[in-house]
Every structure is written in structure tokens, then in C-alpha cells.
Amino acid sequence: MERYAWKAIVLDGKLEEYKKRHDNIWPEMVEVLRKAGIRNYTIWNVGNELFGYYECDSVEEAAKVQAESPVVDKWNEYMKDVMVMEMDPETGAQPLMKQMFFLE
């Protein structure tokens, strides 16, 4: 099992809308995440900051499945008016965060 974490910013005044959209996540988006092997996916918030975490068998495979999905492209377009997420120009995904501590 591998772990993946990301961070983003919710635009001012858009936190309630961000939450609403995730409370009503599209079934086809959930299907892509499951196809990518993603599980135990959680997103936290403080102020305008978001922190997401998930587990998967392969971060590389999860990124590949998402990158090839038109559903993910459509979701990202849908979300861009409520949040800003830094993207790595080489991978097209969020920059990989380095794990600094782990306690099992």
C-alpha cells in the first residue's frame, strides 16, 4: 500500500460550495477513483486550506488512471471556480508531498 497527500486552497467565500459539491460527488467520479485503486480518501479543511489523503496500491497507477480519464478532466473543470490547486507541469498532477513522519 502507498499513501498520497495533496493540498489546495478554497477560494474566498466558496467553502460551503466546495463541501456541497463533494457531498454530491458524481457516481462516475467515484467509479474512476475506485478504478484507480484509491481508498480511504479523506479531505480536511482549515480556513481556506484543504489537505487530501488517500491510500492505493500504486501512486503511479492511480495518477495514470486519473490522468487518462475524461471524467476527472470534467470534474477539475467543474471545481476550478471554487478552488486553486497547484499542478506539476511535468506530471499534470498535484506535486508529490514527501512523507516526513509515520506512526502505525
PDB file of N, CA and C in Angstrom:
ATOM      1  N   MET A   1       0.828  -1.179   0.000  1.00  0.00           N
ATOM      2  CA  MET A   1       0.000   0.000   0.000  1.00  0.00           C
ATOM      3  C   MET A   1       0.878   1.250   0.000  1.00  0.00           C
ATOM      4  N   GLU A   2       0.472   2.220  -0.798  1.00  0.00           N
ATOM      5  CA  GLU A   2       1.150   3.511  -0.827  1.00  0.00           C
ATOM      6  C   GLU A   2       0.178   4.590  -0.369  1.00  0.00           C
ATOM      7  N   ARG A   3       0.728   5.696   0.110  1.00  0.00           N
ATOM      8  CA  ARG A   3      -0.073   6.826   0.576  1.00  0.00           C
ATOM      9  C   ARG A   3       0.198   8.030  -0.321  1.00  0.00           C
ATOM     10  N   TYR A   4      -0.836   8.840  -0.495  1.00  0.00           N
ATOM     11  CA  TYR A   4      -0.700  10.045  -1.316  1.00  0.00           C
ATOM     12  C   TYR A   4      -1.383  11.192  -0.592  1.00  0.00           C
ATOM     13  N   ALA A   5      -0.753  12.347  -0.589  1.00  0.00           N
ATOM     14  CA  ALA A   5      -1.325  13.537   0.042  1.00  0.00           C
ATOM     15  C   ALA A   5      -1.223  14.714  -0.913  1.00  0.00           C
ATOM     16  N   TRP A   6      -2.198  15.597  -0.840  1.00  0.00           N
ATOM     17  CA  TRP A   6      -2.200  16.804  -1.665  1.00  0.00           C
ATOM     18  C   TRP A   6      -2.749  17.975  -0.855  1.00  0.00           C
ATOM     19  N   LYS A   7      -2.500  19.174  -1.360  1.00  0.00           N
ATOM     20  CA  LYS A   7      -3.025  20.372  -0.711  1.00  0.00           C
ATOM     21  C   LYS A   7      -3.579  21.319  -1.771  1.00  0.00           C
ATOM     22  N   ALA A   8      -4.502  22.163  -1.343  1.00  0.00           N
ATOM     23  CA  ALA A   8      -5.111  23.135  -2.251  1.00  0.00           C
ATOM     24  C   ALA A   8      -5.703  24.268  -1.425  1.00  0.00           C
ATOM     25  N   ILE A   9      -6.204  25.265  -2.113  1.00  0.00           N
ATOM     26  CA  ILE A   9      -6.821  26.431  -1.479  1.00  0.00           C
ATOM     27  C   ILE A   9      -8.246  26.574  -2.019  1.00  0.00           C
ATOM     28  N   VAL A  10      -9.188  26.782  -1.104  1.00  0.00           N
ATOM     29  CA  VAL A  10     -10.560  27.104  -1.496  1.00  0.00           C
ATOM     30  C   VAL A  10     -10.622  28.621  -1.665  1.00  0.00           C
ATOM     31  N   LEU A  11     -11.235  29.067  -2.731  1.00  0.00           N
ATOM     32  CA  LEU A  11     -11.378  30.498  -2.962  1.00  0.00           C
ATOM     33  C   LEU A  11     -12.276  31.127  -1.887  1.00  0.00           C
ATOM     34  N   ASP A  12     -12.016  32.386  -1.578  1.00  0.00           N
ATOM     35  CA  ASP A  12     -12.779  33.094  -0.545  1.00  0.00           C
ATOM     36  C   ASP A  12     -14.277  32.970  -0.796  1.00  0.00           C
ATOM     37  N   GLY A  13     -14.988  32.612   0.261  1.00  0.00           N
ATOM     38  CA  GLY A  13     -16.436  32.520   0.187  1.00  0.00           C
ATOM     39  C   GLY A  13     -16.975  31.280  -0.513  1.00  0.00           C
ATOM     40  N   LYS A  14     -16.101  30.345  -0.896  1.00  0.00           N
ATOM     41  CA  LYS A  14     -16.538  29.178  -1.676  1.00  0.00           C
ATOM     42  C   LYS A  14     -16.487  27.855  -0.900  1.00  0.00           C
ATOM     43  N   LEU A  15     -16.163  27.901   0.394  1.00  0.00           N
ATOM     44  CA  LEU A  15     -16.027  26.663   1.151  1.00  0.00           C
ATOM     45  C   LEU A  15     -17.335  25.869   1.211  1.00  0.00           C
ATOM     46  N   GLU A  16     -18.441  26.553   1.435  1.00  0.00           N
ATOM     47  CA  GLU A  16     -19.735  25.865   1.502  1.00  0.00           C
ATOM     48  C   GLU A  16     -20.048  25.185   0.163  1.00  0.00           C
ATOM     49  N   GLU A  17     -19.755  25.853  -0.939  1.00  0.00           N
ATOM     50  CA  GLU A  17     -19.987  25.258  -2.264  1.00  0.00           C
ATOM     51  C   GLU A  17     -19.049  24.072  -2.504  1.00  0.00           C
ATOM     52  N   TYR A  18     -17.796  24.198  -2.084  1.00  0.00           N
ATOM     53  CA  TYR A  18     -16.851  23.093  -2.203  1.00  0.00           C
ATOM     54  C   TYR A  18     -17.394  21.855  -1.488  1.00  0.00           C
ATOM     55  N   LYS A  19     -17.845  22.046  -0.249  1.00  0.00           N
ATOM     56  CA  LYS A  19     -18.395  20.942   0.548  1.00  0.00           C
ATOM     57  C   LYS A  19     -19.638  20.361  -0.124  1.00  0.00           C
ATOM     58  N   LYS A  20     -20.517  21.207  -0.607  1.00  0.00           N
ATOM     59  CA  LYS A  20     -21.742  20.760  -1.270  1.00  0.00           C
ATOM     60  C   LYS A  20     -21.425  19.878  -2.476  1.00  0.00           C
ATOM     61  N   ARG A  21     -20.446  20.285  -3.266  1.00  0.00           N
ATOM     62  CA  ARG A  21     -20.088  19.512  -4.457  1.00  0.00           C
ATOM     63  C   ARG A  21     -19.521  18.146  -4.085  1.00  0.00           C
ATOM     64  N   HIS A  22     -18.768  18.078  -3.012  1.00  0.00           N
ATOM     65  CA  HIS A  22     -18.232  16.782  -2.589  1.00  0.00           C
ATOM     66  C   HIS A  22     -19.296  15.923  -1.898  1.00  0.00           C
ATOM     67  N   ASP A  23     -20.247  16.549  -1.253  1.00  0.00           N
ATOM     68  CA  ASP A  23     -21.366  15.794  -0.682  1.00  0.00           C
ATOM     69  C   ASP A  23     -22.202  15.151  -1.789  1.00  0.00           C
ATOM     70  N   ASN A  24     -22.118  15.709  -2.982  1.00  0.00           N
ATOM     71  CA  ASN A  24     -22.873  15.215  -4.139  1.00  0.00           C
ATOM     72  C   ASN A  24     -21.937  14.776  -5.264  1.00  0.00           C
ATOM     73  N   ILE A  25     -20.816  14.178  -4.908  1.00  0.00           N
ATOM     74  CA  ILE A  25     -19.830  13.758  -5.903  1.00  0.00           C
ATOM     75  C   ILE A  25     -20.496  12.852  -6.947  1.00  0.00           C
ATOM     76  N   TRP A  26     -20.121  13.037  -8.181  1.00  0.00           N
ATOM     77  CA  TRP A  26     -20.712  12.260  -9.274  1.00  0.00           C
ATOM     78  C   TRP A  26     -20.364  10.787  -9.119  1.00  0.00           C
ATOM     79  N   PRO A  27     -21.318   9.900  -9.344  1.00  0.00           N
ATOM     80  CA  PRO A  27     -21.027   8.457  -9.287  1.00  0.00           C
ATOM     81  C   PRO A  27     -19.916   8.047 -10.252  1.00  0.00           C
ATOM     82  N   GLU A  28     -19.871   8.676 -11.414  1.00  0.00           N
ATOM     83  CA  GLU A  28     -18.818   8.323 -12.371  1.00  0.00           C
ATOM     84  C   GLU A  28     -17.435   8.761 -11.894  1.00  0.00           C
ATOM     85  N   MET A  29     -17.374   9.803 -11.064  1.00  0.00           N
ATOM     86  CA  MET A  29     -16.099  10.221 -10.484  1.00  0.00           C
ATOM     87  C   MET A  29     -15.655   9.203  -9.436  1.00  0.00           C
ATOM     88  N   VAL A  30     -16.585   8.746  -8.611  1.00  0.00           N
ATOM     89  CA  VAL A  30     -16.276   7.710  -7.619  1.00  0.00           C
ATOM     90  C   VAL A  30     -15.789   6.450  -8.333  1.00  0.00           C
ATOM     91  N   GLU A  31     -16.412   6.119  -9.445  1.00  0.00           N
ATOM     92  CA  GLU A  31     -16.014   4.939 -10.217  1.00  0.00           C
ATOM     93  C   GLU A  31     -14.570   5.050 -10.702  1.00  0.00           C
ATOM     94  N   VAL A  32     -14.179   6.228 -11.178  1.00  0.00           N
ATOM     95  CA  VAL A  32     -12.793   6.439 -11.632  1.00  0.00           C
ATOM     96  C   VAL A  32     -11.830   6.279 -10.461  1.00  0.00           C
ATOM     97  N   LEU A  33     -12.162   6.859  -9.320  1.00  0.00           N
ATOM     98  CA  LEU A  33     -11.284   6.755  -8.149  1.00  0.00           C
ATOM     99  C   LEU A  33     -11.113   5.296  -7.735  1.00  0.00           C
ATOM    100  N   ARG A  34     -12.195   4.555  -7.744  1.00  0.00           N
ATOM    101  CA  ARG A  34     -12.110   3.127  -7.393  1.00  0.00           C
ATOM    102  C   ARG A  34     -11.306   2.356  -8.442  1.00  0.00           C
ATOM    103  N   LYS A  35     -11.513   2.675  -9.714  1.00  0.00           N
ATOM    104  CA  LYS A  35     -10.743   2.034 -10.795  1.00  0.00           C
ATOM    105  C   LYS A  35      -9.250   2.316 -10.622  1.00  0.00           C
ATOM    106  N   ALA A  36      -8.940   3.494 -10.106  1.00  0.00           N
ATOM    107  CA  ALA A  36      -7.546   3.886  -9.872  1.00  0.00           C
ATOM    108  C   ALA A  36      -6.964   3.198  -8.640  1.00  0.00           C
ATOM    109  N   GLY A  37      -7.794   2.458  -7.910  1.00  0.00           N
ATOM    110  CA  GLY A  37      -7.318   1.751  -6.712  1.00  0.00           C
ATOM    111  C   GLY A  37      -7.283   2.623  -5.476  1.00  0.00           C
ATOM    112  N   ILE A  38      -7.944   3.771  -5.535  1.00  0.00           N
ATOM    113  CA  ILE A  38      -7.925   4.712  -4.417  1.00  0.00           C
ATOM    114  C   ILE A  38      -8.944   4.290  -3.360  1.00  0.00           C
ATOM    115  N   ARG A  39      -8.489   4.324  -2.108  1.00  0.00           N
ATOM    116  CA  ARG A  39      -9.373   4.005  -0.983  1.00  0.00           C
ATOM    117  C   ARG A  39      -8.945   4.850   0.221  1.00  0.00           C
ATOM    118  N   ASN A  40      -9.788   4.838   1.234  1.00  0.00           N
ATOM    119  CA  ASN A  40      -9.515   5.610   2.446  1.00  0.00           C
ATOM    120  C   ASN A  40      -9.177   7.062   2.095  1.00  0.00           C
ATOM    121  N   TYR A  41      -9.975   7.640   1.201  1.00  0.00           N
ATOM    122  CA  TYR A  41      -9.748   9.005   0.708  1.00  0.00           C
ATOM    123  C   TYR A  41     -10.467   9.983   1.618  1.00  0.00           C
ATOM    124  N   THR A  42      -9.713  10.914   2.161  1.00  0.00           N
ATOM    125  CA  THR A  42     -10.246  11.899   3.088  1.00  0.00           C
ATOM    126  C   THR A  42      -9.710  13.274   2.723  1.00  0.00           C
ATOM    127  N   ILE A  43     -10.566  14.292   2.861  1.00  0.00           N
ATOM    128  CA  ILE A  43     -10.133  15.677   2.652  1.00  0.00           C
ATOM    129  C   ILE A  43     -10.465  16.455   3.924  1.00  0.00           C
ATOM    130  N   TRP A  44      -9.472  17.176   4.446  1.00  0.00           N
ATOM    131  CA  TRP A  44      -9.647  18.023   5.623  1.00  0.00           C
ATOM    132  C   TRP A  44      -9.565  19.488   5.212  1.00  0.00           C
ATOM    133  N   ASN A  45     -10.046  20.350   6.106  1.00  0.00           N
ATOM    134  CA  ASN A  45     -10.064  21.786   5.849  1.00  0.00           C
ATOM    135  C   ASN A  45      -9.739  22.557   7.116  1.00  0.00           C
ATOM    136  N   VAL A  46      -8.973  23.631   6.951  1.00  0.00           N
ATOM    137  CA  VAL A  46      -8.796  24.645   7.990  1.00  0.00           C
ATOM    138  C   VAL A  46      -8.696  25.982   7.263  1.00  0.00           C
ATOM    139  N   GLY A  47      -9.513  26.951   7.670  1.00  0.00           N
ATOM    140  CA  GLY A  47      -9.541  28.224   6.948  1.00  0.00           C
ATOM    141  C   GLY A  47      -9.860  27.978   5.483  1.00  0.00           C
ATOM    142  N   ASN A  48      -9.010  28.487   4.607  1.00  0.00           N
ATOM    143  CA  ASN A  48      -9.188  28.261   3.162  1.00  0.00           C
ATOM    144  C   ASN A  48      -8.298  27.140   2.643  1.00  0.00           C
ATOM    145  N   GLU A  49      -7.628  26.446   3.543  1.00  0.00           N
ATOM    146  CA  GLU A  49      -6.716  25.382   3.130  1.00  0.00           C
ATOM    147  C   GLU A  49      -7.405  24.027   3.130  1.00  0.00           C
ATOM    148  N   LEU A  50      -7.042  23.212   2.139  1.00  0.00           N
ATOM    149  CA  LEU A  50      -7.509  21.832   2.046  1.00  0.00           C
ATOM    150  C   LEU A  50      -6.302  20.918   2.101  1.00  0.00           C
ATOM    151  N   PHE A  51      -6.497  19.768   2.721  1.00  0.00           N
ATOM    152  CA  PHE A  51      -5.477  18.732   2.735  1.00  0.00           C
ATOM    153  C   PHE A  51      -6.168  17.413   2.438  1.00  0.00           C
ATOM    154  N   GLY A  52      -5.734  16.745   1.378  1.00  0.00           N
ATOM    155  CA  GLY A  52      -6.320  15.473   0.995  1.00  0.00           C
ATOM    156  C   GLY A  52      -5.327  14.342   1.183  1.00  0.00           C
ATOM    157  N   TYR A  53      -5.867  13.163   1.494  1.00  0.00           N
ATOM    158  CA  TYR A  53      -5.041  11.984   1.723  1.00  0.00           C
ATOM    159  C   TYR A  53      -5.792  10.761   1.210  1.00  0.00           C
ATOM    160  N   TYR A  54      -5.068   9.884   0.522  1.00  0.00           N
ATOM    161  CA  TYR A  54      -5.659   8.585   0.186  1.00  0.00           C
ATOM    162  C   TYR A  54      -4.593   7.508   0.157  1.00  0.00           C
ATOM    163  N   GLU A  55      -5.088   6.278   0.160  1.00  0.00           N
ATOM    164  CA  GLU A  55      -4.226   5.110   0.068  1.00  0.00           C
ATOM    165  C   GLU A  55      -4.551   4.389  -1.228  1.00  0.00           C
ATOM    166  N   CYS A  56      -3.542   3.733  -1.794  1.00  0.00           N
ATOM    167  CA  CYS A  56      -3.726   2.986  -3.032  1.00  0.00           C
ATOM    168  C   CYS A  56      -2.601   1.952  -3.140  1.00  0.00           C
ATOM    169  N   ASP A  57      -2.760   1.031  -4.078  1.00  0.00           N
ATOM    170  CA  ASP A  57      -1.706   0.043  -4.280  1.00  0.00           C
ATOM    171  C   ASP A  57      -0.497   0.664  -4.957  1.00  0.00           C
ATOM    172  N   SER A  58      -0.737   1.628  -5.855  1.00  0.00           N
ATOM    173  CA  SER A  58       0.346   2.271  -6.594  1.00  0.00           C
ATOM    174  C   SER A  58      -0.024   3.719  -6.888  1.00  0.00           C
ATOM    175  N   VAL A  59       0.731   4.652  -6.342  1.00  0.00           N
ATOM    176  CA  VAL A  59       0.506   6.072  -6.613  1.00  0.00           C
ATOM    177  C   VAL A  59       0.663   6.332  -8.111  1.00  0.00           C
ATOM    178  N   GLU A  60       1.647   5.689  -8.726  1.00  0.00           N
ATOM    179  CA  GLU A  60       1.888   5.871 -10.159  1.00  0.00           C
ATOM    180  C   GLU A  60       0.677   5.419 -10.983  1.00  0.00           C
ATOM    181  N   GLU A  61       0.129   4.255 -10.661  1.00  0.00           N
ATOM    182  CA  GLU A  61      -1.037   3.740 -11.388  1.00  0.00           C
ATOM    183  C   GLU A  61      -2.269   4.598 -11.132  1.00  0.00           C
ATOM    184  N   ALA A  62      -2.467   5.035  -9.897  1.00  0.00           N
ATOM    185  CA  ALA A  62      -3.607   5.899  -9.567  1.00  0.00           C
ATOM    186  C   ALA A  62      -3.534   7.203 -10.356  1.00  0.00           C
ATOM    187  N   ALA A  63      -2.344   7.771 -10.452  1.00  0.00           N
ATOM    188  CA  ALA A  63      -2.163   9.009 -11.211  1.00  0.00           C
ATOM    189  C   ALA A  63      -2.432   8.777 -12.693  1.00  0.00           C
ATOM    190  N   LYS A  64      -1.977   7.652 -13.220  1.00  0.00           N
ATOM    191  CA  LYS A  64      -2.169   7.337 -14.634  1.00  0.00           C
ATOM    192  C   LYS A  64      -3.650   7.195 -14.975  1.00  0.00           C
ATOM    193  N   VAL A  65      -4.383   6.445 -14.176  1.00  0.00           N
ATOM    194  CA  VAL A  65      -5.819   6.249 -14.427  1.00  0.00           C
ATOM    195  C   VAL A  65      -6.544   7.592 -14.391  1.00  0.00           C
ATOM    196  N   GLN A  66      -6.224   8.420 -13.412  1.00  0.00           N
ATOM    197  CA  GLN A  66      -6.874   9.730 -13.314  1.00  0.00           C
ATOM    198  C   GLN A  66      -6.499  10.640 -14.485  1.00  0.00           C
ATOM    199  N   ALA A  67      -5.233  10.621 -14.870  1.00  0.00           N
ATOM    200  CA  ALA A  67      -4.768  11.482 -15.963  1.00  0.00           C
ATOM    201  C   ALA A  67      -5.427  11.121 -17.288  1.00  0.00           C
ATOM    202  N   GLU A  68      -5.784   9.852 -17.457  1.00  0.00           N
ATOM    203  CA  GLU A  68      -6.386   9.397 -18.710  1.00  0.00           C
ATOM    204  C   GLU A  68      -7.908   9.494 -18.712  1.00  0.00           C
ATOM    205  N   SER A  69      -8.498   9.952 -17.627  1.00  0.00           N
ATOM    206  CA  SER A  69      -9.952   9.958 -17.501  1.00  0.00           C
ATOM    207  C   SER A  69     -10.582  11.282 -17.912  1.00  0.00           C
ATOM    208  N   PRO A  70     -11.496  11.259 -18.890  1.00  0.00           N
ATOM    209  CA  PRO A  70     -12.234  12.478 -19.228  1.00  0.00           C
ATOM    210  C   PRO A  70     -13.159  12.919 -18.087  1.00  0.00           C
ATOM    211  N   VAL A  71     -13.566  11.991 -17.231  1.00  0.00           N
ATOM    212  CA  VAL A  71     -14.404  12.343 -16.076  1.00  0.00           C
ATOM    213  C   VAL A  71     -13.605  13.223 -15.119  1.00  0.00           C
ATOM    214  N   VAL A  72     -12.352  12.886 -14.881  1.00  0.00           N
ATOM    215  CA  VAL A  72     -11.502  13.700 -13.999  1.00  0.00           C
ATOM    216  C   VAL A  72     -11.293  15.083 -14.614  1.00  0.00           C
ATOM    217  N   ASP A  73     -11.076  15.138 -15.913  1.00  0.00           N
ATOM    218  CA  ASP A  73     -10.939  16.441 -16.585  1.00  0.00           C
ATOM    219  C   ASP A  73     -12.193  17.288 -16.382  1.00  0.00           C
ATOM    220  N   LYS A  74     -13.350  16.657 -16.541  1.00  0.00           N
ATOM    221  CA  LYS A  74     -14.629  17.355 -16.365  1.00  0.00           C
ATOM    222  C   LYS A  74     -14.796  17.805 -14.909  1.00  0.00           C
ATOM    223  N   TRP A  75     -14.430  16.950 -13.939  1.00  0.00           N
ATOM    224  CA  TRP A  75     -14.513  17.306 -12.514  1.00  0.00           C
ATOM    225  C   TRP A  75     -13.590  18.484 -12.206  1.00  0.00           C
ATOM    226  N   ASN A  76     -12.363  18.442 -12.709  1.00  0.00           N
ATOM    227  CA  ASN A  76     -11.420  19.535 -12.458  1.00  0.00           C
ATOM    228  C   ASN A  76     -11.945  20.852 -13.021  1.00  0.00           C
ATOM    229  N   GLU A  77     -12.556  20.796 -14.178  1.00  0.00           N
ATOM    230  CA  GLU A  77     -13.158  21.996 -14.778  1.00  0.00           C
ATOM    231  C   GLU A  77     -14.304  22.497 -13.895  1.00  0.00           C
ATOM    232  N   TYR A  78     -15.122  21.586 -13.415  1.00  0.00           N
ATOM    233  CA  TYR A  78     -16.253  21.897 -12.545  1.00  0.00           C
ATOM    234  C   TYR A  78     -15.798  22.548 -11.236  1.00  0.00           C
ATOM    235  N   MET A  79     -14.642  22.132 -10.721  1.00  0.00           N
ATOM    236  CA  MET A  79     -14.172  22.608  -9.421  1.00  0.00           C
ATOM    237  C   MET A  79     -13.322  23.878  -9.488  1.00  0.00           C
ATOM    238  N   LYS A  80     -12.875  24.274 -10.666  1.00  0.00           N
ATOM    239  CA  LYS A  80     -11.905  25.378 -10.727  1.00  0.00           C
ATOM    240  C   LYS A  80     -12.469  26.739 -10.323  1.00  0.00           C
ATOM    241  N   ASP A  81     -13.789  26.883 -10.246  1.00  0.00           N
ATOM    242  CA  ASP A  81     -14.337  28.161  -9.793  1.00  0.00           C
ATOM    243  C   ASP A  81     -14.460  28.240  -8.272  1.00  0.00           C
ATOM    244  N   VAL A  82     -14.127  27.142  -7.565  1.00  0.00           N
ATOM    245  CA  VAL A  82     -14.195  27.166  -6.104  1.00  0.00           C
ATOM    246  C   VAL A  82     -12.852  26.901  -5.437  1.00  0.00           C
ATOM    247  N   MET A  83     -11.853  26.463  -6.203  1.00  0.00           N
ATOM    248  CA  MET A  83     -10.573  26.130  -5.580  1.00  0.00           C
ATOM    249  C   MET A  83      -9.400  26.360  -6.528  1.00  0.00           C
ATOM    250  N   VAL A  84      -8.218  26.446  -5.938  1.00  0.00           N
ATOM    251  CA  VAL A  84      -6.972  26.558  -6.685  1.00  0.00           C
ATOM    252  C   VAL A  84      -6.071  25.429  -6.213  1.00  0.00           C
ATOM    253  N   MET A  85      -5.590  24.649  -7.176  1.00  0.00           N
ATOM    254  CA  MET A  85      -4.705  23.538  -6.855  1.00  0.00           C
ATOM    255  C   MET A  85      -3.451  23.667  -7.713  1.00  0.00           C
ATOM    256  N   GLU A  86      -2.319  23.719  -7.056  1.00  0.00           N
ATOM    257  CA  GLU A  86      -1.042  23.773  -7.768  1.00  0.00           C
ATOM    258  C   GLU A  86      -0.844  22.444  -8.504  1.00  0.00           C
ATOM    259  N   MET A  87      -0.410  22.523  -9.754  1.00  0.00           N
ATOM    260  CA  MET A  87      -0.180  21.312 -10.539  1.00  0.00           C
ATOM    261  C   MET A  87       1.272  21.274 -11.008  1.00  0.00           C
ATOM    262  N   ASP A  88       1.833  20.088 -11.012  1.00  0.00           N
ATOM    263  CA  ASP A  88       3.190  19.862 -11.501  1.00  0.00           C
ATOM    264  C   ASP A  88       3.123  19.856 -13.027  1.00  0.00           C
ATOM    265  N   PRO A  89       3.847  20.766 -13.696  1.00  0.00           N
ATOM    266  CA  PRO A  89       3.767  20.824 -15.157  1.00  0.00           C
ATOM    267  C   PRO A  89       4.262  19.554 -15.852  1.00  0.00           C
ATOM    268  N   GLU A  90       5.128  18.788 -15.202  1.00  0.00           N
ATOM    269  CA  GLU A  90       5.642  17.561 -15.811  1.00  0.00           C
ATOM    270  C   GLU A  90       4.647  16.408 -15.744  1.00  0.00           C
ATOM    271  N   THR A  91       3.943  16.281 -14.606  1.00  0.00           N
ATOM    272  CA  THR A  91       3.042  15.141 -14.425  1.00  0.00           C
ATOM    273  C   THR A  91       1.583  15.496 -14.667  1.00  0.00           C
ATOM    274  N   GLY A  92       1.237  16.772 -14.599  1.00  0.00           N
ATOM    275  CA  GLY A  92      -0.149  17.182 -14.723  1.00  0.00           C
ATOM    276  C   GLY A  92      -0.961  16.892 -13.470  1.00  0.00           C
ATOM    277  N   ALA A  93      -0.301  16.455 -12.400  1.00  0.00           N
ATOM    278  CA  ALA A  93      -0.961  16.148 -11.130  1.00  0.00           C
ATOM    279  C   ALA A  93      -0.427  17.085 -10.046  1.00  0.00           C
ATOM    280  N   GLN A  94      -1.001  16.974  -8.866  1.00  0.00           N
ATOM    281  CA  GLN A  94      -0.504  17.765  -7.752  1.00  0.00           C
ATOM    282  C   GLN A  94       0.921  17.338  -7.438  1.00  0.00           C
ATOM    283  N   PRO A  95       1.759  18.289  -7.010  1.00  0.00           N
ATOM    284  CA  PRO A  95       3.125  17.914  -6.632  1.00  0.00           C
ATOM    285  C   PRO A  95       3.102  16.861  -5.526  1.00  0.00           C
ATOM    286  N   LEU A  96       3.955  15.872  -5.650  1.00  0.00           N
ATOM    287  CA  LEU A  96       4.030  14.785  -4.676  1.00  0.00           C
ATOM    288  C   LEU A  96       4.604  15.317  -3.368  1.00  0.00           C
ATOM    289  N   MET A  97       3.848  15.190  -2.294  1.00  0.00           N
ATOM    290  CA  MET A  97       4.320  15.602  -0.976  1.00  0.00           C
ATOM    291  C   MET A  97       5.178  14.482  -0.398  1.00  0.00           C
ATOM    292  N   LYS A  98       6.236  14.836   0.275  1.00  0.00           N
ATOM    293  CA  LYS A  98       7.105  13.857   0.902  1.00  0.00           C
ATOM    294  C   LYS A  98       6.639  13.550   2.308  1.00  0.00           C
ATOM    295  N   GLN A  99       6.540  12.283   2.630  1.00  0.00           N
ATOM    296  CA  GLN A  99       6.167  11.875   3.970  1.00  0.00           C
ATOM    297  C   GLN A  99       7.312  12.202   4.919  1.00  0.00           C
ATOM    298  N   MET A 100       6.997  12.881   6.019  1.00  0.00           N
ATOM    299  CA  MET A 100       8.016  13.288   6.973  1.00  0.00           C
ATOM    300  C   MET A 100       7.943  12.502   8.285  1.00  0.00           C
ATOM    301  N   PHE A 101       6.805  11.862   8.536  1.00  0.00           N
ATOM    302  CA  PHE A 101       6.642  11.116   9.779  1.00  0.00           C
ATOM    303  C   PHE A 101       5.507  10.118   9.578  1.00  0.00           C
ATOM    304  N   PHE A 102       5.640   8.939  10.200  1.00  0.00           N
ATOM    305  CA  PHE A 102       4.580   7.937  10.146  1.00  0.00           C
ATOM    306  C   PHE A 102       4.595   7.134  11.434  1.00  0.00           C
ATOM    307  N   LEU A 103       3.439   7.000  12.061  1.00  0.00           N
ATOM    308  CA  LEU A 103       3.270   6.178  13.245  1.00  0.00           C
ATOM    309  C   LEU A 103       2.123   5.227  12.979  1.00  0.00           C
ATOM    310  N   GLU A 104       2.394   3.952  13.011  1.00  0.00           N
ATOM    311  CA  GLU A 104       1.355   2.962  12.735  1.00  0.00           C
ATOM    312  C   GLU A 104       0.777   2.454  14.038  1.00  0.00           C
TER     313      GLU A 104
END
